[in-house]
Amino acid sequence: MTAAPEPSAAQLLTRLAAAVDDEDWSVLRALLADDAVVRYEHTGEELDATAYVALNRDYPGRWRFEPQEVVDGGGRAVLRARVSDGAETHAVVVLASVLGGRLVDLVEVWAEVGVQPGSGRRPDLG
């Protein structure tokens, strides 16, 4: 009997997005290796798998996680998504590595959508 091939990082990121959107915390936890590390690039925070699930589970409000694009590199992948509670919308990019069929390394980069750059932060394109 041939073993099923391990899922790619892109497949696991797609499942992660669905688990967060569905608020299915047991599925989210199962996607992460026990020694997974999650880094928030924009804040410098670093979380283990348990803390990452807790942060998502306990974050106030009902947030929708809408994947927009996935780039598959086999063992590495990138997911671009929109996350919104209806009042606030964020763009997020998630970079991931897979090992042994589970996500071992995640890097998330978040940006608020619609925020204009400060005065003097861009050249005059007029």
PDB file of N, CA and C in Angstrom:
ATOM      1  N   MET A   1       0.839  -1.178   0.000  1.00  0.00           N
ATOM      2  CA  MET A   1       0.000   0.000   0.000  1.00  0.00           C
ATOM      3  C   MET A   1       0.888   1.247   0.000  1.00  0.00           C
ATOM      4  N   THR A   2       0.601   2.175  -0.875  1.00  0.00           N
ATOM      5  CA  THR A   2       1.369   3.403  -0.987  1.00  0.00           C
ATOM      6  C   THR A   2       0.777   4.464  -0.069  1.00  0.00           C
ATOM      7  N   ALA A   3       1.652   5.119   0.675  1.00  0.00           N
ATOM      8  CA  ALA A   3       1.199   6.193   1.565  1.00  0.00           C
ATOM      9  C   ALA A   3       0.760   7.396   0.735  1.00  0.00           C
ATOM     10  N   ALA A   4      -0.243   8.079   1.232  1.00  0.00           N
ATOM     11  CA  ALA A   4      -0.710   9.293   0.558  1.00  0.00           C
ATOM     12  C   ALA A   4       0.395  10.344   0.616  1.00  0.00           C
ATOM     13  N   PRO A   5       0.549  11.118  -0.452  1.00  0.00           N
ATOM     14  CA  PRO A   5       1.581  12.163  -0.419  1.00  0.00           C
ATOM     15  C   PRO A   5       1.246  13.215   0.635  1.00  0.00           C
ATOM     16  N   GLU A   6       2.302  13.775   1.207  1.00  0.00           N
ATOM     17  CA  GLU A   6       2.092  14.835   2.190  1.00  0.00           C
ATOM     18  C   GLU A   6       1.486  16.052   1.512  1.00  0.00           C
ATOM     19  N   PRO A   7       0.620  16.769   2.213  1.00  0.00           N
ATOM     20  CA  PRO A   7       0.057  17.989   1.629  1.00  0.00           C
ATOM     21  C   PRO A   7       1.135  19.049   1.455  1.00  0.00           C
ATOM     22  N   SER A   8       0.972  19.862   0.438  1.00  0.00           N
ATOM     23  CA  SER A   8       1.906  20.955   0.212  1.00  0.00           C
ATOM     24  C   SER A   8       1.630  22.072   1.218  1.00  0.00           C
ATOM     25  N   ALA A   9       2.567  22.987   1.327  1.00  0.00           N
ATOM     26  CA  ALA A   9       2.370  24.146   2.206  1.00  0.00           C
ATOM     27  C   ALA A   9       1.156  24.953   1.750  1.00  0.00           C
ATOM     28  N   ALA A  10       0.945  25.057   0.433  1.00  0.00           N
ATOM     29  CA  ALA A  10      -0.214  25.802  -0.079  1.00  0.00           C
ATOM     30  C   ALA A  10      -1.527  25.138   0.328  1.00  0.00           C
ATOM     31  N   GLN A  11      -1.583  23.819   0.254  1.00  0.00           N
ATOM     32  CA  GLN A  11      -2.785  23.112   0.682  1.00  0.00           C
ATOM     33  C   GLN A  11      -3.050  23.344   2.169  1.00  0.00           C
ATOM     34  N   LEU A  12      -1.993  23.303   2.969  1.00  0.00           N
ATOM     35  CA  LEU A  12      -2.162  23.516   4.408  1.00  0.00           C
ATOM     36  C   LEU A  12      -2.552  24.961   4.717  1.00  0.00           C
ATOM     37  N   LEU A  13      -1.994  25.919   3.984  1.00  0.00           N
ATOM     38  CA  LEU A  13      -2.386  27.318   4.195  1.00  0.00           C
ATOM     39  C   LEU A  13      -3.855  27.535   3.825  1.00  0.00           C
ATOM     40  N   THR A  14      -4.312  26.893   2.774  1.00  0.00           N
ATOM     41  CA  THR A  14      -5.722  26.987   2.388  1.00  0.00           C
ATOM     42  C   THR A  14      -6.608  26.410   3.481  1.00  0.00           C
ATOM     43  N   ARG A  15      -6.196  25.291   4.059  1.00  0.00           N
ATOM     44  CA  ARG A  15      -6.942  24.694   5.185  1.00  0.00           C
ATOM     45  C   ARG A  15      -6.896  25.596   6.413  1.00  0.00           C
ATOM     46  N   LEU A  16      -5.743  26.227   6.657  1.00  0.00           N
ATOM     47  CA  LEU A  16      -5.620  27.158   7.777  1.00  0.00           C
ATOM     48  C   LEU A  16      -6.612  28.307   7.621  1.00  0.00           C
ATOM     49  N   ALA A  17      -6.681  28.886   6.425  1.00  0.00           N
ATOM     50  CA  ALA A  17      -7.616  29.991   6.180  1.00  0.00           C
ATOM     51  C   ALA A  17      -9.048  29.551   6.431  1.00  0.00           C
ATOM     52  N   ALA A  18      -9.409  28.369   5.968  1.00  0.00           N
ATOM     53  CA  ALA A  18     -10.767  27.855   6.179  1.00  0.00           C
ATOM     54  C   ALA A  18     -11.039  27.614   7.659  1.00  0.00           C
ATOM     55  N   ALA A  19     -10.064  27.071   8.374  1.00  0.00           N
ATOM     56  CA  ALA A  19     -10.244  26.808   9.811  1.00  0.00           C
ATOM     57  C   ALA A  19     -10.454  28.099  10.591  1.00  0.00           C
ATOM     58  N   VAL A  20      -9.674  29.131  10.268  1.00  0.00           N
ATOM     59  CA  VAL A  20      -9.837  30.416  10.952  1.00  0.00           C
ATOM     60  C   VAL A  20     -11.200  31.018  10.606  1.00  0.00           C
ATOM     61  N   ASP A  21     -11.562  30.992   9.327  1.00  0.00           N
ATOM     62  CA  ASP A  21     -12.843  31.550   8.911  1.00  0.00           C
ATOM     63  C   ASP A  21     -14.013  30.799   9.545  1.00  0.00           C
ATOM     64  N   ASP A  22     -13.881  29.477   9.666  1.00  0.00           N
ATOM     65  CA  ASP A  22     -14.939  28.647  10.261  1.00  0.00           C
ATOM     66  C   ASP A  22     -14.891  28.634  11.790  1.00  0.00           C
ATOM     67  N   GLU A  23     -13.881  29.272  12.354  1.00  0.00           N
ATOM     68  CA  GLU A  23     -13.638  29.245  13.803  1.00  0.00           C
ATOM     69  C   GLU A  23     -13.545  27.806  14.322  1.00  0.00           C
ATOM     70  N   ASP A  24     -12.837  26.980  13.562  1.00  0.00           N
ATOM     71  CA  ASP A  24     -12.634  25.571  13.917  1.00  0.00           C
ATOM     72  C   ASP A  24     -11.232  25.425  14.505  1.00  0.00           C
ATOM     73  N   TRP A  25     -11.148  25.677  15.793  1.00  0.00           N
ATOM     74  CA  TRP A  25      -9.845  25.768  16.461  1.00  0.00           C
ATOM     75  C   TRP A  25      -9.142  24.431  16.577  1.00  0.00           C
ATOM     76  N   SER A  26      -9.880  23.328  16.643  1.00  0.00           N
ATOM     77  CA  SER A  26      -9.221  22.012  16.702  1.00  0.00           C
ATOM     78  C   SER A  26      -8.558  21.692  15.366  1.00  0.00           C
ATOM     79  N   VAL A  27      -9.183  22.054  14.253  1.00  0.00           N
ATOM     80  CA  VAL A  27      -8.562  21.854  12.944  1.00  0.00           C
ATOM     81  C   VAL A  27      -7.333  22.755  12.814  1.00  0.00           C
ATOM     82  N   LEU A  28      -7.463  24.018  13.233  1.00  0.00           N
ATOM     83  CA  LEU A  28      -6.319  24.926  13.173  1.00  0.00           C
ATOM     84  C   LEU A  28      -5.135  24.339  13.929  1.00  0.00           C
ATOM     85  N   ARG A  29      -5.376  23.847  15.132  1.00  0.00           N
ATOM     86  CA  ARG A  29      -4.284  23.282  15.944  1.00  0.00           C
ATOM     87  C   ARG A  29      -3.682  22.061  15.279  1.00  0.00           C
ATOM     88  N   ALA A  30      -4.514  21.230  14.656  1.00  0.00           N
ATOM     89  CA  ALA A  30      -4.026  20.008  14.017  1.00  0.00           C
ATOM     90  C   ALA A  30      -3.138  20.307  12.806  1.00  0.00           C
ATOM     91  N   LEU A  31      -3.302  21.463  12.187  1.00  0.00           N
ATOM     92  CA  LEU A  31      -2.483  21.834  11.032  1.00  0.00           C
ATOM     93  C   LEU A  31      -1.067  22.237  11.429  1.00  0.00           C
ATOM     94  N   LEU A  32      -0.890  22.595  12.694  1.00  0.00           N
ATOM     95  CA  LEU A  32       0.394  23.117  13.177  1.00  0.00           C
ATOM     96  C   LEU A  32       1.213  22.026  13.854  1.00  0.00           C
ATOM     97  N   ALA A  33       2.490  21.951  13.520  1.00  0.00           N
ATOM     98  CA  ALA A  33       3.396  21.041  14.218  1.00  0.00           C
ATOM     99  C   ALA A  33       3.487  21.458  15.681  1.00  0.00           C
ATOM    100  N   ASP A  34       3.787  20.507  16.534  1.00  0.00           N
ATOM    101  CA  ASP A  34       3.877  20.811  17.965  1.00  0.00           C
ATOM    102  C   ASP A  34       4.923  21.874  18.262  1.00  0.00           C
ATOM    103  N   ASP A  35       5.970  21.918  17.461  1.00  0.00           N
ATOM    104  CA  ASP A  35       7.032  22.910  17.680  1.00  0.00           C
ATOM    105  C   ASP A  35       6.950  24.073  16.688  1.00  0.00           C
ATOM    106  N   ALA A  36       5.775  24.289  16.112  1.00  0.00           N
ATOM    107  CA  ALA A  36       5.598  25.383  15.152  1.00  0.00           C
ATOM    108  C   ALA A  36       5.906  26.731  15.792  1.00  0.00           C
ATOM    109  N   VAL A  37       6.422  27.623  14.969  1.00  0.00           N
ATOM    110  CA  VAL A  37       6.701  28.992  15.394  1.00  0.00           C
ATOM    111  C   VAL A  37       5.957  29.919  14.446  1.00  0.00           C
ATOM    112  N   VAL A  38       5.209  30.865  15.026  1.00  0.00           N
ATOM    113  CA  VAL A  38       4.470  31.854  14.246  1.00  0.00           C
ATOM    114  C   VAL A  38       5.016  33.220  14.612  1.00  0.00           C
ATOM    115  N   ARG A  39       5.433  33.972  13.584  1.00  0.00           N
ATOM    116  CA  ARG A  39       5.972  35.308  13.813  1.00  0.00           C
ATOM    117  C   ARG A  39       5.080  36.335  13.133  1.00  0.00           C
ATOM    118  N   TYR A  40       4.799  37.410  13.870  1.00  0.00           N
ATOM    119  CA  TYR A  40       4.102  38.563  13.301  1.00  0.00           C
ATOM    120  C   TYR A  40       5.184  39.578  12.949  1.00  0.00           C
ATOM    121  N   GLU A  41       5.482  39.667  11.672  1.00  0.00           N
ATOM    122  CA  GLU A  41       6.578  40.509  11.197  1.00  0.00           C
ATOM    123  C   GLU A  41       6.384  41.973  11.581  1.00  0.00           C
ATOM    124  N   HIS A  42       5.165  42.447  11.522  1.00  0.00           N
ATOM    125  CA  HIS A  42       4.862  43.868  11.749  1.00  0.00           C
ATOM    126  C   HIS A  42       4.949  44.268  13.219  1.00  0.00           C
ATOM    127  N   THR A  43       4.860  43.301  14.145  1.00  0.00           N
ATOM    128  CA  THR A  43       4.938  43.643  15.571  1.00  0.00           C
ATOM    129  C   THR A  43       6.139  43.018  16.274  1.00  0.00           C
ATOM    130  N   GLY A  44       6.752  42.027  15.637  1.00  0.00           N
ATOM    131  CA  GLY A  44       7.881  41.340  16.254  1.00  0.00           C
ATOM    132  C   GLY A  44       7.474  40.240  17.217  1.00  0.00           C
ATOM    133  N   GLU A  45       6.188  39.979  17.359  1.00  0.00           N
ATOM    134  CA  GLU A  45       5.728  38.924  18.267  1.00  0.00           C
ATOM    135  C   GLU A  45       6.063  37.551  17.697  1.00  0.00           C
ATOM    136  N   GLU A  46       6.310  36.599  18.596  1.00  0.00           N
ATOM    137  CA  GLU A  46       6.549  35.219  18.213  1.00  0.00           C
ATOM    138  C   GLU A  46       5.709  34.320  19.121  1.00  0.00           C
ATOM    139  N   LEU A  47       4.941  33.422  18.497  1.00  0.00           N
ATOM    140  CA  LEU A  47       4.006  32.571  19.226  1.00  0.00           C
ATOM    141  C   LEU A  47       4.287  31.108  18.933  1.00  0.00           C
ATOM    142  N   ASP A  48       3.994  30.248  19.906  1.00  0.00           N
ATOM    143  CA  ASP A  48       4.012  28.819  19.631  1.00  0.00           C
ATOM    144  C   ASP A  48       2.621  28.415  19.123  1.00  0.00           C
ATOM    145  N   ALA A  49       2.455  27.168  18.780  1.00  0.00           N
ATOM    146  CA  ALA A  49       1.198  26.705  18.179  1.00  0.00           C
ATOM    147  C   ALA A  49       0.003  26.944  19.093  1.00  0.00           C
ATOM    148  N   THR A  50       0.138  26.645  20.371  1.00  0.00           N
ATOM    149  CA  THR A  50      -0.965  26.807  21.319  1.00  0.00           C
ATOM    150  C   THR A  50      -1.355  28.272  21.460  1.00  0.00           C
ATOM    151  N   ALA A  51      -0.371  29.152  21.572  1.00  0.00           N
ATOM    152  CA  ALA A  51      -0.650  30.586  21.713  1.00  0.00           C
ATOM    153  C   ALA A  51      -1.272  31.157  20.441  1.00  0.00           C
ATOM    154  N   TYR A  52      -0.856  30.666  19.275  1.00  0.00           N
ATOM    155  CA  TYR A  52      -1.414  31.130  18.009  1.00  0.00           C
ATOM    156  C   TYR A  52      -2.900  30.772  17.902  1.00  0.00           C
ATOM    157  N   VAL A  53      -3.234  29.556  18.268  1.00  0.00           N
ATOM    158  CA  VAL A  53      -4.640  29.146  18.250  1.00  0.00           C
ATOM    159  C   VAL A  53      -5.434  29.974  19.253  1.00  0.00           C
ATOM    160  N   ALA A  54      -4.902  30.168  20.448  1.00  0.00           N
ATOM    161  CA  ALA A  54      -5.599  30.953  21.476  1.00  0.00           C
ATOM    162  C   ALA A  54      -5.808  32.390  21.031  1.00  0.00           C
ATOM    163  N   LEU A  55      -4.804  32.991  20.406  1.00  0.00           N
ATOM    164  CA  LEU A  55      -4.943  34.366  19.939  1.00  0.00           C
ATOM    165  C   LEU A  55      -6.080  34.469  18.925  1.00  0.00           C
ATOM    166  N   ASN A  56      -6.134  33.553  17.985  1.00  0.00           N
ATOM    167  CA  ASN A  56      -7.201  33.569  16.983  1.00  0.00           C
ATOM    168  C   ASN A  56      -8.563  33.291  17.624  1.00  0.00           C
ATOM    169  N   ARG A  57      -8.631  32.332  18.505  1.00  0.00           N
ATOM    170  CA  ARG A  57      -9.885  31.954  19.168  1.00  0.00           C
ATOM    171  C   ARG A  57     -10.422  33.086  20.044  1.00  0.00           C
ATOM    172  N   ASP A  58      -9.543  33.752  20.771  1.00  0.00           N
ATOM    173  CA  ASP A  58      -9.966  34.729  21.774  1.00  0.00           C
ATOM    174  C   ASP A  58     -10.010  36.165  21.271  1.00  0.00           C
ATOM    175  N   TYR A  59      -9.613  36.392  20.014  1.00  0.00           N
ATOM    176  CA  TYR A  59      -9.623  37.750  19.482  1.00  0.00           C
ATOM    177  C   TYR A  59     -11.066  38.240  19.434  1.00  0.00           C
ATOM    178  N   PRO A  60     -11.339  39.449  19.924  1.00  0.00           N
ATOM    179  CA  PRO A  60     -12.733  39.912  19.999  1.00  0.00           C
ATOM    180  C   PRO A  60     -13.370  40.127  18.625  1.00  0.00           C
ATOM    181  N   GLY A  61     -14.639  39.814  18.545  1.00  0.00           N
ATOM    182  CA  GLY A  61     -15.408  40.040  17.322  1.00  0.00           C
ATOM    183  C   GLY A  61     -15.420  38.830  16.414  1.00  0.00           C
ATOM    184  N   ARG A  62     -16.196  38.948  15.357  1.00  0.00           N
ATOM    185  CA  ARG A  62     -16.296  37.889  14.342  1.00  0.00           C
ATOM    186  C   ARG A  62     -15.595  38.368  13.088  1.00  0.00           C
ATOM    187  N   TRP A  63     -14.471  37.774  12.809  1.00  0.00           N
ATOM    188  CA  TRP A  63     -13.644  38.167  11.669  1.00  0.00           C
ATOM    189  C   TRP A  63     -13.759  37.128  10.568  1.00  0.00           C
ATOM    190  N   ARG A  64     -13.870  37.592   9.331  1.00  0.00           N
ATOM    191  CA  ARG A  64     -13.894  36.706   8.163  1.00  0.00           C
ATOM    192  C   ARG A  64     -12.507  36.693   7.543  1.00  0.00           C
ATOM    193  N   PHE A  65     -12.059  35.526   7.150  1.00  0.00           N
ATOM    194  CA  PHE A  65     -10.737  35.335   6.555  1.00  0.00           C
ATOM    195  C   PHE A  65     -10.952  34.873   5.120  1.00  0.00           C
ATOM    196  N   GLU A  66     -10.688  35.765   4.163  1.00  0.00           N
ATOM    197  CA  GLU A  66     -10.971  35.490   2.749  1.00  0.00           C
ATOM    198  C   GLU A  66      -9.674  35.372   1.947  1.00  0.00           C
ATOM    199  N   PRO A  67      -9.263  34.144   1.614  1.00  0.00           N
ATOM    200  CA  PRO A  67      -8.064  33.980   0.796  1.00  0.00           C
ATOM    201  C   PRO A  67      -8.274  34.587  -0.589  1.00  0.00           C
ATOM    202  N   GLN A  68      -7.246  35.239  -1.106  1.00  0.00           N
ATOM    203  CA  GLN A  68      -7.330  35.844  -2.429  1.00  0.00           C
ATOM    204  C   GLN A  68      -6.336  35.239  -3.410  1.00  0.00           C
ATOM    205  N   GLU A  69      -5.225  34.725  -2.897  1.00  0.00           N
ATOM    206  CA  GLU A  69      -4.200  34.160  -3.778  1.00  0.00           C
ATOM    207  C   GLU A  69      -3.286  33.258  -2.959  1.00  0.00           C
ATOM    208  N   VAL A  70      -2.895  32.149  -3.567  1.00  0.00           N
ATOM    209  CA  VAL A  70      -1.935  31.247  -2.940  1.00  0.00           C
ATOM    210  C   VAL A  70      -0.854  30.942  -3.965  1.00  0.00           C
ATOM    211  N   VAL A  71       0.396  31.062  -3.541  1.00  0.00           N
ATOM    212  CA  VAL A  71       1.524  30.704  -4.382  1.00  0.00           C
ATOM    213  C   VAL A  71       2.157  29.470  -3.759  1.00  0.00           C
ATOM    214  N   ASP A  72       2.218  28.398  -4.539  1.00  0.00           N
ATOM    215  CA  ASP A  72       2.660  27.101  -4.034  1.00  0.00           C
ATOM    216  C   ASP A  72       4.096  26.821  -4.442  1.00  0.00           C
ATOM    217  N   GLY A  73       4.936  26.618  -3.458  1.00  0.00           N
ATOM    218  CA  GLY A  73       6.317  26.231  -3.715  1.00  0.00           C
ATOM    219  C   GLY A  73       6.620  24.851  -3.165  1.00  0.00           C
ATOM    220  N   GLY A  74       5.565  24.026  -2.980  1.00  0.00           N
ATOM    221  CA  GLY A  74       5.754  22.682  -2.428  1.00  0.00           C
ATOM    222  C   GLY A  74       5.902  22.736  -0.925  1.00  0.00           C
ATOM    223  N   GLY A  75       7.139  22.788  -0.452  1.00  0.00           N
ATOM    224  CA  GLY A  75       7.401  22.860   0.988  1.00  0.00           C
ATOM    225  C   GLY A  75       7.269  24.258   1.564  1.00  0.00           C
ATOM    226  N   ARG A  76       7.178  25.262   0.676  1.00  0.00           N
ATOM    227  CA  ARG A  76       6.988  26.666   1.094  1.00  0.00           C
ATOM    228  C   ARG A  76       5.833  27.235   0.288  1.00  0.00           C
ATOM    229  N   ALA A  77       5.081  28.140   0.888  1.00  0.00           N
ATOM    230  CA  ALA A  77       3.960  28.764   0.181  1.00  0.00           C
ATOM    231  C   ALA A  77       3.677  30.132   0.772  1.00  0.00           C
ATOM    232  N   VAL A  78       2.919  30.927  -0.005  1.00  0.00           N
ATOM    233  CA  VAL A  78       2.491  32.252   0.418  1.00  0.00           C
ATOM    234  C   VAL A  78       0.996  32.359   0.153  1.00  0.00           C
ATOM    235  N   LEU A  79       0.280  32.888   1.121  1.00  0.00           N
ATOM    236  CA  LEU A  79      -1.154  33.140   1.008  1.00  0.00           C
ATOM    237  C   LEU A  79      -1.395  34.632   1.206  1.00  0.00           C
ATOM    238  N   ARG A  80      -2.168  35.229   0.300  1.00  0.00           N
ATOM    239  CA  ARG A  80      -2.588  36.627   0.454  1.00  0.00           C
ATOM    240  C   ARG A  80      -4.077  36.600   0.710  1.00  0.00           C
ATOM    241  N   ALA A  81      -4.538  37.373   1.716  1.00  0.00           N
ATOM    242  CA  ALA A  81      -5.944  37.341   2.103  1.00  0.00           C
ATOM    243  C   ALA A  81      -6.417  38.697   2.596  1.00  0.00           C
ATOM    244  N   ARG A  82      -7.725  38.819   2.712  1.00  0.00           N
ATOM    245  CA  ARG A  82      -8.386  39.951   3.358  1.00  0.00           C
ATOM    246  C   ARG A  82      -9.038  39.414   4.615  1.00  0.00           C
ATOM    247  N   VAL A  83      -8.904  40.156   5.693  1.00  0.00           N
ATOM    248  CA  VAL A  83      -9.517  39.785   6.959  1.00  0.00           C
ATOM    249  C   VAL A  83     -10.344  40.975   7.417  1.00  0.00           C
ATOM    250  N   SER A  84     -11.629  40.738   7.716  1.00  0.00           N
ATOM    251  CA  SER A  84     -12.512  41.857   8.048  1.00  0.00           C
ATOM    252  C   SER A  84     -13.563  41.458   9.066  1.00  0.00           C
ATOM    253  N   ASP A  85     -13.933  42.439   9.888  1.00  0.00           N
ATOM    254  CA  ASP A  85     -15.066  42.258  10.798  1.00  0.00           C
ATOM    255  C   ASP A  85     -16.261  43.093  10.322  1.00  0.00           C
ATOM    256  N   GLY A  86     -16.178  43.638   9.122  1.00  0.00           N
ATOM    257  CA  GLY A  86     -17.241  44.473   8.576  1.00  0.00           C
ATOM    258  C   GLY A  86     -16.993  45.953   8.788  1.00  0.00           C
ATOM    259  N   ALA A  87     -16.271  46.299   9.830  1.00  0.00           N
ATOM    260  CA  ALA A  87     -15.945  47.694  10.106  1.00  0.00           C
ATOM    261  C   ALA A  87     -14.495  47.988   9.756  1.00  0.00           C
ATOM    262  N   GLU A  88     -13.641  47.027   9.996  1.00  0.00           N
ATOM    263  CA  GLU A  88     -12.201  47.148   9.766  1.00  0.00           C
ATOM    264  C   GLU A  88     -11.786  46.063   8.787  1.00  0.00           C
ATOM    265  N   THR A  89     -10.906  46.392   7.862  1.00  0.00           N
ATOM    266  CA  THR A  89     -10.395  45.394   6.916  1.00  0.00           C
ATOM    267  C   THR A  89      -8.878  45.458   6.895  1.00  0.00           C
ATOM    268  N   HIS A  90      -8.275  44.291   6.874  1.00  0.00           N
ATOM    269  CA  HIS A  90      -6.817  44.168   6.836  1.00  0.00           C
ATOM    270  C   HIS A  90      -6.408  43.297   5.662  1.00  0.00           C
ATOM    271  N   ALA A  91      -5.273  43.623   5.085  1.00  0.00           N
ATOM    272  CA  ALA A  91      -4.616  42.753   4.119  1.00  0.00           C
ATOM    273  C   ALA A  91      -3.586  41.957   4.904  1.00  0.00           C
ATOM    274  N   VAL A  92      -3.508  40.665   4.638  1.00  0.00           N
ATOM    275  CA  VAL A  92      -2.535  39.828   5.334  1.00  0.00           C
ATOM    276  C   VAL A  92      -1.826  38.942   4.319  1.00  0.00           C
ATOM    277  N   VAL A  93      -0.543  38.776   4.547  1.00  0.00           N
ATOM    278  CA  VAL A  93       0.258  37.839   3.783  1.00  0.00           C
ATOM    279  C   VAL A  93       0.820  36.843   4.785  1.00  0.00           C
ATOM    280  N   VAL A  94       0.646  35.559   4.487  1.00  0.00           N
ATOM    281  CA  VAL A  94       1.138  34.498   5.361  1.00  0.00           C
ATOM    282  C   VAL A  94       2.136  33.662   4.564  1.00  0.00           C
ATOM    283  N   LEU A  95       3.347  33.563   5.067  1.00  0.00           N
ATOM    284  CA  LEU A  95       4.376  32.721   4.474  1.00  0.00           C
ATOM    285  C   LEU A  95       4.497  31.481   5.350  1.00  0.00           C
ATOM    286  N   ALA A  96       4.615  30.316   4.744  1.00  0.00           N
ATOM    287  CA  ALA A  96       4.610  29.093   5.542  1.00  0.00           C
ATOM    288  C   ALA A  96       5.574  28.055   5.006  1.00  0.00           C
ATOM    289  N   SER A  97       6.046  27.208   5.927  1.00  0.00           N
ATOM    290  CA  SER A  97       6.848  26.029   5.597  1.00  0.00           C
ATOM    291  C   SER A  97       6.147  24.813   6.171  1.00  0.00           C
ATOM    292  N   VAL A  98       6.260  23.691   5.467  1.00  0.00           N
ATOM    293  CA  VAL A  98       5.657  22.445   5.922  1.00  0.00           C
ATOM    294  C   VAL A  98       6.753  21.398   6.082  1.00  0.00           C
ATOM    295  N   LEU A  99       6.577  20.564   7.088  1.00  0.00           N
ATOM    296  CA  LEU A  99       7.480  19.445   7.324  1.00  0.00           C
ATOM    297  C   LEU A  99       6.665  18.351   7.985  1.00  0.00           C
ATOM    298  N   GLY A 100       6.745  17.162   7.454  1.00  0.00           N
ATOM    299  CA  GLY A 100       6.006  16.049   8.050  1.00  0.00           C
ATOM    300  C   GLY A 100       4.501  16.224   7.975  1.00  0.00           C
ATOM    301  N   GLY A 101       4.030  16.943   6.984  1.00  0.00           N
ATOM    302  CA  GLY A 101       2.590  17.099   6.789  1.00  0.00           C
ATOM    303  C   GLY A 101       1.929  18.145   7.660  1.00  0.00           C
ATOM    304  N   ARG A 102       2.731  18.949   8.372  1.00  0.00           N
ATOM    305  CA  ARG A 102       2.170  20.001   9.219  1.00  0.00           C
ATOM    306  C   ARG A 102       2.968  21.290   9.045  1.00  0.00           C
ATOM    307  N   LEU A 103       2.337  22.391   9.351  1.00  0.00           N
ATOM    308  CA  LEU A 103       2.984  23.696   9.251  1.00  0.00           C
ATOM    309  C   LEU A 103       3.969  23.864  10.402  1.00  0.00           C
ATOM    310  N   VAL A 104       5.201  24.217  10.073  1.00  0.00           N
ATOM    311  CA  VAL A 104       6.242  24.348  11.100  1.00  0.00           C
ATOM    312  C   VAL A 104       6.683  25.786  11.317  1.00  0.00           C
ATOM    313  N   ASP A 105       6.453  26.612  10.318  1.00  0.00           N
ATOM    314  CA  ASP A 105       6.928  27.988  10.385  1.00  0.00           C
ATOM    315  C   ASP A 105       5.931  28.867   9.647  1.00  0.00           C
ATOM    316  N   LEU A 106       5.390  29.861  10.343  1.00  0.00           N
ATOM    317  CA  LEU A 106       4.483  30.831   9.729  1.00  0.00           C
ATOM    318  C   LEU A 106       5.012  32.222  10.007  1.00  0.00           C
ATOM    319  N   VAL A 107       4.941  33.071   9.007  1.00  0.00           N
ATOM    320  CA  VAL A 107       5.232  34.490   9.180  1.00  0.00           C
ATOM    321  C   VAL A 107       4.029  35.232   8.629  1.00  0.00           C
ATOM    322  N   GLU A 108       3.404  36.066   9.462  1.00  0.00           N
ATOM    323  CA  GLU A 108       2.258  36.855   9.038  1.00  0.00           C
ATOM    324  C   GLU A 108       2.643  38.330   9.002  1.00  0.00           C
ATOM    325  N   VAL A 109       2.180  39.007   7.955  1.00  0.00           N
ATOM    326  CA  VAL A 109       2.391  40.444   7.813  1.00  0.00           C
ATOM    327  C   VAL A 109       1.019  41.063   7.574  1.00  0.00           C
ATOM    328  N   TRP A 110       0.624  41.964   8.461  1.00  0.00           N
ATOM    329  CA  TRP A 110      -0.702  42.577   8.409  1.00  0.00           C
ATOM    330  C   TRP A 110      -0.592  44.058   8.086  1.00  0.00           C
ATOM    331  N   ALA A 111      -1.575  44.554   7.344  1.00  0.00           N
ATOM    332  CA  ALA A 111      -1.668  45.988   7.043  1.00  0.00           C
ATOM    333  C   ALA A 111      -3.143  46.362   6.996  1.00  0.00           C
ATOM    334  N   GLU A 112      -3.474  47.499   7.573  1.00  0.00           N
ATOM    335  CA  GLU A 112      -4.850  47.977   7.530  1.00  0.00           C
ATOM    336  C   GLU A 112      -5.141  48.526   6.137  1.00  0.00           C
ATOM    337  N   VAL A 113      -6.261  48.115   5.566  1.00  0.00           N
ATOM    338  CA  VAL A 113      -6.657  48.540   4.228  1.00  0.00           C
ATOM    339  C   VAL A 113      -7.280  49.928   4.299  1.00  0.00           C
ATOM    340  N   GLY A 114      -6.923  50.787   3.350  1.00  0.00           N
ATOM    341  CA  GLY A 114      -7.528  52.115   3.258  1.00  0.00           C
ATOM    342  C   GLY A 114      -6.816  53.195   4.037  1.00  0.00           C
ATOM    343  N   VAL A 115      -5.746  52.856   4.718  1.00  0.00           N
ATOM    344  CA  VAL A 115      -4.987  53.857   5.464  1.00  0.00           C
ATOM    345  C   VAL A 115      -4.054  54.564   4.482  1.00  0.00           C
ATOM    346  N   GLN A 116      -4.174  55.859   4.427  1.00  0.00           N
ATOM    347  CA  GLN A 116      -3.358  56.646   3.505  1.00  0.00           C
ATOM    348  C   GLN A 116      -1.988  56.924   4.114  1.00  0.00           C
ATOM    349  N   PRO A 117      -0.946  56.936   3.272  1.00  0.00           N
ATOM    350  CA  PRO A 117       0.382  57.257   3.797  1.00  0.00           C
ATOM    351  C   PRO A 117       0.416  58.688   4.310  1.00  0.00           C
ATOM    352  N   GLY A 118       1.232  58.914   5.310  1.00  0.00           N
ATOM    353  CA  GLY A 118       1.375  60.248   5.887  1.00  0.00           C
ATOM    354  C   GLY A 118       1.932  61.244   4.881  1.00  0.00           C
ATOM    355  N   SER A 119       1.700  62.492   5.150  1.00  0.00           N
ATOM    356  CA  SER A 119       2.184  63.579   4.300  1.00  0.00           C
ATOM    357  C   SER A 119       3.701  63.493   4.155  1.00  0.00           C
ATOM    358  N   GLY A 120       4.165  63.640   2.932  1.00  0.00           N
ATOM    359  CA  GLY A 120       5.603  63.606   2.678  1.00  0.00           C
ATOM    360  C   GLY A 120       6.182  62.205   2.568  1.00  0.00           C
ATOM    361  N   ARG A 121       5.320  61.171   2.640  1.00  0.00           N
ATOM    362  CA  ARG A 121       5.807  59.792   2.607  1.00  0.00           C
ATOM    363  C   ARG A 121       5.886  59.226   1.186  1.00  0.00           C
ATOM    364  N   ARG A 122       5.324  59.932   0.212  1.00  0.00           N
ATOM    365  CA  ARG A 122       5.338  59.479  -1.169  1.00  0.00           C
ATOM    366  C   ARG A 122       5.767  60.627  -2.079  1.00  0.00           C
ATOM    367  N   PRO A 123       6.442  60.316  -3.176  1.00  0.00           N
ATOM    368  CA  PRO A 123       6.778  61.378  -4.136  1.00  0.00           C
ATOM    369  C   PRO A 123       5.513  61.886  -4.823  1.00  0.00           C
ATOM    370  N   ASP A 124       5.553  63.104  -5.290  1.00  0.00           N
ATOM    371  CA  ASP A 124       4.423  63.666  -6.032  1.00  0.00           C
ATOM    372  C   ASP A 124       4.368  62.983  -7.388  1.00  0.00           C
ATOM    373  N   LEU A 125       3.308  62.243  -7.623  1.00  0.00           N
ATOM    374  CA  LEU A 125       3.160  61.497  -8.870  1.00  0.00           C
ATOM    375  C   LEU A 125       2.316  62.240  -9.881  1.00  0.00           C
ATOM    376  N   GLY A 126       1.876  63.478  -9.542  1.00  0.00           N
ATOM    377  CA  GLY A 126       0.997  64.278 -10.369  1.00  0.00           C
ATOM    378  C   GLY A 126       1.568  64.618 -11.653  1.00  0.00           C
TER     379      GLY A 126
END
